[in-house]
Amino acid sequence: MIAPEAFRTVEHGIPVTTVAWTLLDLAAVVRPHLLRRAVEAADRLELLDAGAIDRALAASPRRAGATALRTVLDDMAVHGITFTRSDVEAKLLQLCLDHDLPRPQVNHHSGGVEVDFRWPEHGLVVEVDGWAFHRGRAAFAADRARDRRALAAGWRVARFPAGEVLRTPRVVARELGRLLDQRRLRVG
């Protein structure tokens, strides 16, 4: 569908669609976790305009992707914009939402260290390890030292390789569900 005139603009002499219409276009063709990343990026770049998105959705309410975009925006309105640091982090967050798992805190600082995901009421920290950032001896040793600090503070730590999250999300969801059910702790 060609964007209505209200959603077309020109940037540096190039005709383009507005950010709102582009997000609606993306919503029709990308998976929910990648749509979340696009919305997060628009917000980080200070290009996210909720009113413009509402107008785009109103202009084409039955358009493919409208429901997906509204779902992401509604979630962010309730829980805030999460700022995942990678596609695989966004995938794990989406996996929690899709499988009715408790919503984690994302990229939260705990004891001076940022952790990928944490569930304080369950005493659980989850790290998603991609090869690009966790290869080599130094990264291996640093990860283990972080895990020991978290354990000393009363947290259980689970690490999931990025490949497992991307290739076998149902298996990861089941395992994560078991970890969340095992023990509920109140950790400060």
Protein backbone atom coordinates (compact mmCIF):
# COMPACT_ATOMS: atom_id res chain seq x y z
CA MET A 1 0.00 0.00 0.00
CA ILE A 2 1.29 3.42 -0.86
CA ALA A 3 1.47 5.69 2.16
CA PRO A 4 -1.16 8.43 2.26
CA GLU A 5 0.19 11.94 1.67
CA ALA A 6 0.16 12.69 5.41
CA PHE A 7 2.74 9.94 5.95
CA ARG A 8 5.16 10.92 3.20
CA THR A 9 7.99 13.36 3.58
CA VAL A 10 11.34 14.29 2.03
CA GLU A 11 14.68 13.87 3.81
CA HIS A 12 17.80 15.24 2.14
CA GLY A 13 15.94 15.42 -1.15
CA ILE A 14 14.79 11.78 -0.96
CA PRO A 15 11.08 10.95 -0.71
CA VAL A 16 10.46 8.67 2.29
CA THR A 17 7.65 7.61 4.56
CA THR A 18 7.42 8.96 8.09
CA VAL A 19 8.76 6.94 11.01
CA ALA A 20 5.17 6.11 12.05
CA TRP A 21 4.30 4.69 8.62
CA THR A 22 7.64 2.88 8.37
CA LEU A 23 6.96 1.15 11.70
CA LEU A 24 3.54 0.13 10.42
CA ASP A 25 5.20 -1.24 7.26
CA LEU A 26 7.73 -3.16 9.36
CA ALA A 27 5.04 -4.55 11.64
CA ALA A 28 3.55 -6.42 8.69
CA VAL A 29 6.78 -8.22 7.78
CA VAL A 30 9.02 -8.69 10.82
CA ARG A 31 8.73 -10.85 13.91
CA PRO A 32 7.47 -9.17 17.09
CA HIS A 33 10.88 -9.05 18.78
CA LEU A 34 12.38 -7.25 15.77
CA LEU A 35 9.47 -4.82 15.70
CA ARG A 36 10.18 -4.12 19.38
CA ARG A 37 13.82 -3.37 18.48
CA ALA A 38 12.69 -0.95 15.74
CA VAL A 39 10.38 0.90 18.15
CA GLU A 40 13.15 1.00 20.76
CA ALA A 41 15.56 2.42 18.15
CA ALA A 42 13.06 5.08 17.09
CA ASP A 43 12.65 6.09 20.71
CA ARG A 44 16.42 6.17 21.33
CA LEU A 45 16.81 8.43 18.29
CA GLU A 46 13.97 10.62 19.60
CA LEU A 47 11.92 9.89 16.48
CA LEU A 48 9.07 8.03 18.16
CA ASP A 49 5.84 10.04 17.98
CA ALA A 50 2.91 8.21 19.58
CA GLY A 51 0.40 10.63 18.08
CA ALA A 52 1.73 10.06 14.56
CA ILE A 53 1.59 6.29 15.08
CA ASP A 54 -1.99 6.56 16.32
CA ARG A 55 -2.85 8.56 13.17
CA ALA A 56 -1.14 5.94 10.96
CA LEU A 57 -3.06 3.15 12.67
CA ALA A 58 -6.31 5.10 12.32
CA ALA A 59 -5.61 5.69 8.62
CA SER A 60 -5.19 1.96 8.02
CA PRO A 61 -6.68 0.01 10.95
CA ARG A 62 -7.07 -3.30 9.09
CA ARG A 63 -3.63 -3.19 7.54
CA ALA A 64 -1.36 -6.19 8.06
CA GLY A 65 0.85 -5.35 11.01
CA ALA A 66 -1.56 -2.93 12.69
CA THR A 67 -2.36 -5.40 15.47
CA ALA A 68 1.31 -6.29 16.00
CA LEU A 69 2.33 -2.63 16.24
CA ARG A 70 -0.54 -1.82 18.61
CA THR A 71 0.44 -4.83 20.79
CA VAL A 72 4.05 -3.67 21.11
CA LEU A 73 3.01 -0.07 21.80
CA ASP A 74 0.40 -1.12 24.38
CA ASP A 75 2.99 -3.28 26.15
CA MET A 76 5.45 -0.39 26.19
CA ALA A 77 2.78 1.98 27.49
CA VAL A 78 2.23 -0.29 30.48
CA HIS A 79 5.81 -1.45 31.12
CA GLY A 80 7.92 1.28 29.60
CA ILE A 81 10.38 0.97 26.75
CA THR A 82 12.78 -1.80 27.60
CA PHE A 83 15.90 -1.11 25.52
CA THR A 84 17.10 -4.57 24.74
CA ARG A 85 20.75 -4.59 23.66
CA SER A 86 20.46 -7.22 20.94
CA ASP A 87 17.96 -9.05 18.79
CA VAL A 88 18.43 -12.16 20.91
CA GLU A 89 17.58 -10.22 24.09
CA ALA A 90 14.44 -8.93 22.39
CA LYS A 91 13.67 -12.52 21.36
CA LEU A 92 13.98 -13.77 24.96
CA LEU A 93 11.72 -10.99 26.23
CA GLN A 94 9.17 -11.82 23.51
CA LEU A 95 9.47 -15.50 24.44
CA CYS A 96 8.50 -14.61 28.03
CA LEU A 97 5.49 -12.63 26.79
CA ASP A 98 4.41 -15.33 24.32
CA HIS A 99 4.62 -18.13 26.91
CA ASP A 100 2.97 -16.23 29.79
CA LEU A 101 6.14 -16.29 31.86
CA PRO A 102 6.63 -13.58 34.46
CA ARG A 103 7.96 -10.39 32.92
CA PRO A 104 11.64 -9.83 33.74
CA GLN A 105 13.52 -6.65 34.40
CA VAL A 106 15.69 -6.07 31.31
CA ASN A 107 19.27 -4.80 31.39
CA HIS A 108 18.93 -3.83 35.01
CA HIS A 109 21.85 -2.90 37.22
CA SER A 110 22.29 -5.15 40.22
CA GLY A 111 25.23 -4.80 42.58
CA GLY A 112 26.95 -2.43 40.18
CA VAL A 113 26.69 -4.89 37.29
CA GLU A 114 24.18 -4.86 34.46
CA VAL A 115 22.41 -8.17 33.95
CA ASP A 116 20.44 -9.13 30.85
CA PHE A 117 17.30 -10.31 32.68
CA ARG A 118 16.32 -10.67 36.29
CA TRP A 119 13.30 -11.77 38.26
CA PRO A 120 13.76 -10.43 41.82
CA GLU A 121 10.75 -12.32 43.20
CA HIS A 122 12.29 -15.57 41.92
CA GLY A 123 15.91 -14.80 42.78
CA LEU A 124 16.85 -15.52 39.15
CA VAL A 125 19.23 -13.81 36.74
CA VAL A 126 19.40 -14.93 33.11
CA GLU A 127 22.22 -14.01 30.77
CA VAL A 128 21.95 -14.56 27.02
CA ASP A 129 25.41 -15.21 25.66
CA GLY A 130 26.20 -14.52 22.04
CA TRP A 131 29.56 -15.61 20.70
CA ALA A 132 30.48 -12.10 19.52
CA PHE A 133 30.61 -10.72 23.09
CA HIS A 134 31.47 -13.81 25.11
CA ARG A 135 34.33 -15.42 23.23
CA GLY A 136 37.84 -15.71 24.48
CA ARG A 137 39.47 -16.40 27.83
CA ALA A 138 38.97 -12.93 29.28
CA ALA A 139 35.21 -12.91 28.57
CA PHE A 140 34.88 -16.47 29.86
CA ALA A 141 36.64 -15.57 33.12
CA ALA A 142 34.70 -12.29 33.52
CA ASP A 143 31.37 -14.10 33.05
CA ARG A 144 32.25 -16.66 35.73
CA ALA A 145 33.36 -13.93 38.15
CA ARG A 146 30.03 -12.12 37.60
CA ASP A 147 28.14 -15.34 38.22
CA ARG A 148 29.99 -15.90 41.51
CA ARG A 149 29.22 -12.33 42.67
CA ALA A 150 25.54 -12.85 41.84
CA LEU A 151 25.50 -16.18 43.69
CA ALA A 152 27.15 -14.57 46.72
CA ALA A 153 24.38 -11.95 46.67
CA GLY A 154 21.71 -14.68 46.70
CA TRP A 155 20.84 -14.86 42.99
CA ARG A 156 20.63 -18.02 40.90
CA VAL A 157 22.23 -17.48 37.48
CA ALA A 158 21.32 -19.27 34.25
CA ARG A 159 23.07 -18.72 30.95
CA PHE A 160 21.44 -19.47 27.62
CA PRO A 161 23.47 -19.47 24.41
CA ALA A 162 22.02 -17.10 21.84
CA GLY A 163 21.67 -19.96 19.35
CA GLU A 164 19.34 -21.86 21.68
CA VAL A 165 17.10 -18.83 22.18
CA LEU A 166 16.90 -18.28 18.43
CA ARG A 167 16.63 -21.90 17.26
CA THR A 168 14.69 -23.64 20.04
CA PRO A 169 12.59 -20.98 21.77
CA ARG A 170 9.97 -23.44 23.05
CA VAL A 171 12.63 -25.53 24.76
CA VAL A 172 14.14 -22.40 26.32
CA ALA A 173 10.66 -21.25 27.45
CA ARG A 174 9.99 -24.60 29.14
CA GLU A 175 13.37 -24.57 30.88
CA LEU A 176 12.95 -20.94 31.93
CA GLY A 177 9.48 -21.75 33.26
CA ARG A 178 10.94 -24.55 35.38
CA LEU A 179 13.66 -22.24 36.72
CA LEU A 180 11.07 -19.62 37.62
CA ASP A 181 8.88 -22.20 39.39
CA GLN A 182 11.73 -23.81 41.35
CA ARG A 183 12.15 -21.27 44.06
CA ARG A 184 10.74 -17.86 44.80
CA LEU A 185 13.10 -15.68 46.76
CA ARG A 186 13.00 -12.09 47.76
CA VAL A 187 16.41 -10.71 46.86
CA GLY A 188 17.36 -7.08 47.58
